[in-house]
Amino acid sequence: MTDKIKLFDTHQVRAEWDTDHEKWWFSVVDIVAVLTESVDATAYWRKLKQRLKAEGNQTVTGCHGLKMQAADGKQRLTDE
């Protein structure tokens, strides 16, 4: 699997194929950008995680960082 970018309508969503587990990992920030049309999806996701944790929601505690290529071409840590 070599496709690293997935298209969702007109938006790009970064993705990585995990050959060991045979599954795709997607950038949560990119998904948030598509779903919310937020100007700053990173800030939106950060605030959403903060609010969910404050409510005791356990879904965000298992998010691990994954390095993906950013718009500037550098590998940056993102939530998977």
C-alpha atoms as a PDB file:
ATOM      1  CA  MET A   1       0.000   0.000   0.000  1.00  0.00           C
ATOM      2  CA  THR A   2       1.635   3.200  -1.124  1.00  0.00           C
ATOM      3  CA  ASP A   3      -1.172   5.796  -0.991  1.00  0.00           C
ATOM      4  CA  LYS A   4      -0.275   8.219   1.793  1.00  0.00           C
ATOM      5  CA  ILE A   5      -2.977  10.808   1.078  1.00  0.00           C
ATOM      6  CA  LYS A   6      -6.687  10.041   0.929  1.00  0.00           C
ATOM      7  CA  LEU A   7      -9.177  12.400  -0.625  1.00  0.00           C
ATOM      8  CA  PHE A   8     -12.368  13.187   1.189  1.00  0.00           C
ATOM      9  CA  ASP A   9     -14.419  15.302  -1.155  1.00  0.00           C
ATOM     10  CA  THR A  10     -11.931  18.099  -1.904  1.00  0.00           C
ATOM     11  CA  HIS A  11      -9.901  17.756   1.299  1.00  0.00           C
ATOM     12  CA  GLN A  12      -6.729  15.764   1.789  1.00  0.00           C
ATOM     13  CA  VAL A  13      -6.502  13.351   4.711  1.00  0.00           C
ATOM     14  CA  ARG A  14      -3.082  11.983   5.630  1.00  0.00           C
ATOM     15  CA  ALA A  15      -2.932   8.228   6.080  1.00  0.00           C
ATOM     16  CA  GLU A  16      -0.346   5.545   6.857  1.00  0.00           C
ATOM     17  CA  TRP A  17      -0.653   1.837   6.115  1.00  0.00           C
ATOM     18  CA  ASP A  18       0.469  -0.437   8.995  1.00  0.00           C
ATOM     19  CA  THR A  19       1.728  -3.599   7.308  1.00  0.00           C
ATOM     20  CA  ASP A  20       2.144  -5.465  10.606  1.00  0.00           C
ATOM     21  CA  HIS A  21      -1.511  -5.039  11.586  1.00  0.00           C
ATOM     22  CA  GLU A  22      -2.868  -4.607   8.049  1.00  0.00           C
ATOM     23  CA  LYS A  23      -4.845  -1.463   8.746  1.00  0.00           C
ATOM     24  CA  TRP A  24      -4.857   2.234   7.945  1.00  0.00           C
ATOM     25  CA  TRP A  25      -4.114   5.047  10.408  1.00  0.00           C
ATOM     26  CA  PHE A  26      -5.579   8.465   9.631  1.00  0.00           C
ATOM     27  CA  SER A  27      -4.735  11.905  10.957  1.00  0.00           C
ATOM     28  CA  VAL A  28      -7.455  12.972  13.400  1.00  0.00           C
ATOM     29  CA  VAL A  29      -6.626  16.620  12.772  1.00  0.00           C
ATOM     30  CA  ASP A  30      -7.262  16.156   9.044  1.00  0.00           C
ATOM     31  CA  ILE A  31     -10.575  14.413   9.766  1.00  0.00           C
ATOM     32  CA  VAL A  32     -11.575  17.244  12.147  1.00  0.00           C
ATOM     33  CA  ALA A  33     -10.734  19.765   9.411  1.00  0.00           C
ATOM     34  CA  VAL A  34     -13.021  17.959   6.962  1.00  0.00           C
ATOM     35  CA  LEU A  35     -15.915  17.536   9.387  1.00  0.00           C
ATOM     36  CA  THR A  36     -15.855  20.968  11.019  1.00  0.00           C
ATOM     37  CA  GLU A  37     -14.424  23.166   8.255  1.00  0.00           C
ATOM     38  CA  SER A  38     -12.468  24.838  11.057  1.00  0.00           C
ATOM     39  CA  VAL A  39      -9.889  27.491  10.191  1.00  0.00           C
ATOM     40  CA  ASP A  40      -7.487  25.919  12.724  1.00  0.00           C
ATOM     41  CA  ALA A  41      -8.276  22.211  12.992  1.00  0.00           C
ATOM     42  CA  THR A  42      -5.313  21.579  15.316  1.00  0.00           C
ATOM     43  CA  ALA A  43      -6.613  24.092  17.875  1.00  0.00           C
ATOM     44  CA  TYR A  44     -10.157  22.735  17.439  1.00  0.00           C
ATOM     45  CA  TRP A  45      -8.989  19.149  18.132  1.00  0.00           C
ATOM     46  CA  ARG A  46      -6.855  20.242  21.106  1.00  0.00           C
ATOM     47  CA  LYS A  47      -9.821  22.086  22.684  1.00  0.00           C
ATOM     48  CA  LEU A  48     -12.210  19.205  21.944  1.00  0.00           C
ATOM     49  CA  LYS A  49      -9.830  16.704  23.619  1.00  0.00           C
ATOM     50  CA  GLN A  50      -9.546  19.012  26.625  1.00  0.00           C
ATOM     51  CA  ARG A  51     -13.335  19.266  26.974  1.00  0.00           C
ATOM     52  CA  LEU A  52     -13.880  15.523  26.518  1.00  0.00           C
ATOM     53  CA  LYS A  53     -11.251  14.681  29.146  1.00  0.00           C
ATOM     54  CA  ALA A  54     -12.858  17.171  31.564  1.00  0.00           C
ATOM     55  CA  GLU A  55     -16.178  15.344  31.066  1.00  0.00           C
ATOM     56  CA  GLY A  56     -14.484  12.042  31.867  1.00  0.00           C
ATOM     57  CA  ASN A  57     -14.690  10.726  28.303  1.00  0.00           C
ATOM     58  CA  GLN A  58     -12.245   7.860  27.865  1.00  0.00           C
ATOM     59  CA  THR A  59     -12.133   7.833  24.058  1.00  0.00           C
ATOM     60  CA  VAL A  60      -9.361  10.409  23.782  1.00  0.00           C
ATOM     61  CA  THR A  61      -7.028   8.946  26.395  1.00  0.00           C
ATOM     62  CA  GLY A  62      -5.882   6.213  24.011  1.00  0.00           C
ATOM     63  CA  CYS A  63      -4.672   8.564  21.261  1.00  0.00           C
ATOM     64  CA  HIS A  64      -1.020   8.115  20.445  1.00  0.00           C
ATOM     65  CA  GLY A  65       1.182  10.402  18.430  1.00  0.00           C
ATOM     66  CA  LEU A  66       2.152   9.335  14.935  1.00  0.00           C
ATOM     67  CA  LYS A  67       4.613  11.165  12.701  1.00  0.00           C
ATOM     68  CA  MET A  68       3.085  12.184   9.396  1.00  0.00           C
ATOM     69  CA  GLN A  69       4.234  14.549   6.709  1.00  0.00           C
ATOM     70  CA  ALA A  70       3.007  18.093   7.334  1.00  0.00           C
ATOM     71  CA  ALA A  71       2.182  20.725   4.718  1.00  0.00           C
ATOM     72  CA  ASP A  72       5.753  22.048   4.973  1.00  0.00           C
ATOM     73  CA  GLY A  73       7.130  18.587   4.035  1.00  0.00           C
ATOM     74  CA  LYS A  74       8.512  17.819   7.500  1.00  0.00           C
ATOM     75  CA  GLN A  75       7.540  14.799   9.600  1.00  0.00           C
ATOM     76  CA  ARG A  76       5.515  16.083  12.553  1.00  0.00           C
ATOM     77  CA  LEU A  77       3.771  14.334  15.422  1.00  0.00           C
ATOM     78  CA  THR A  78      -0.011  14.142  15.033  1.00  0.00           C
ATOM     79  CA  ASP A  79      -2.796  12.243  16.749  1.00  0.00           C
ATOM     80  CA  GLU A  80      -3.773   9.044  15.005  1.00  0.00           C
END
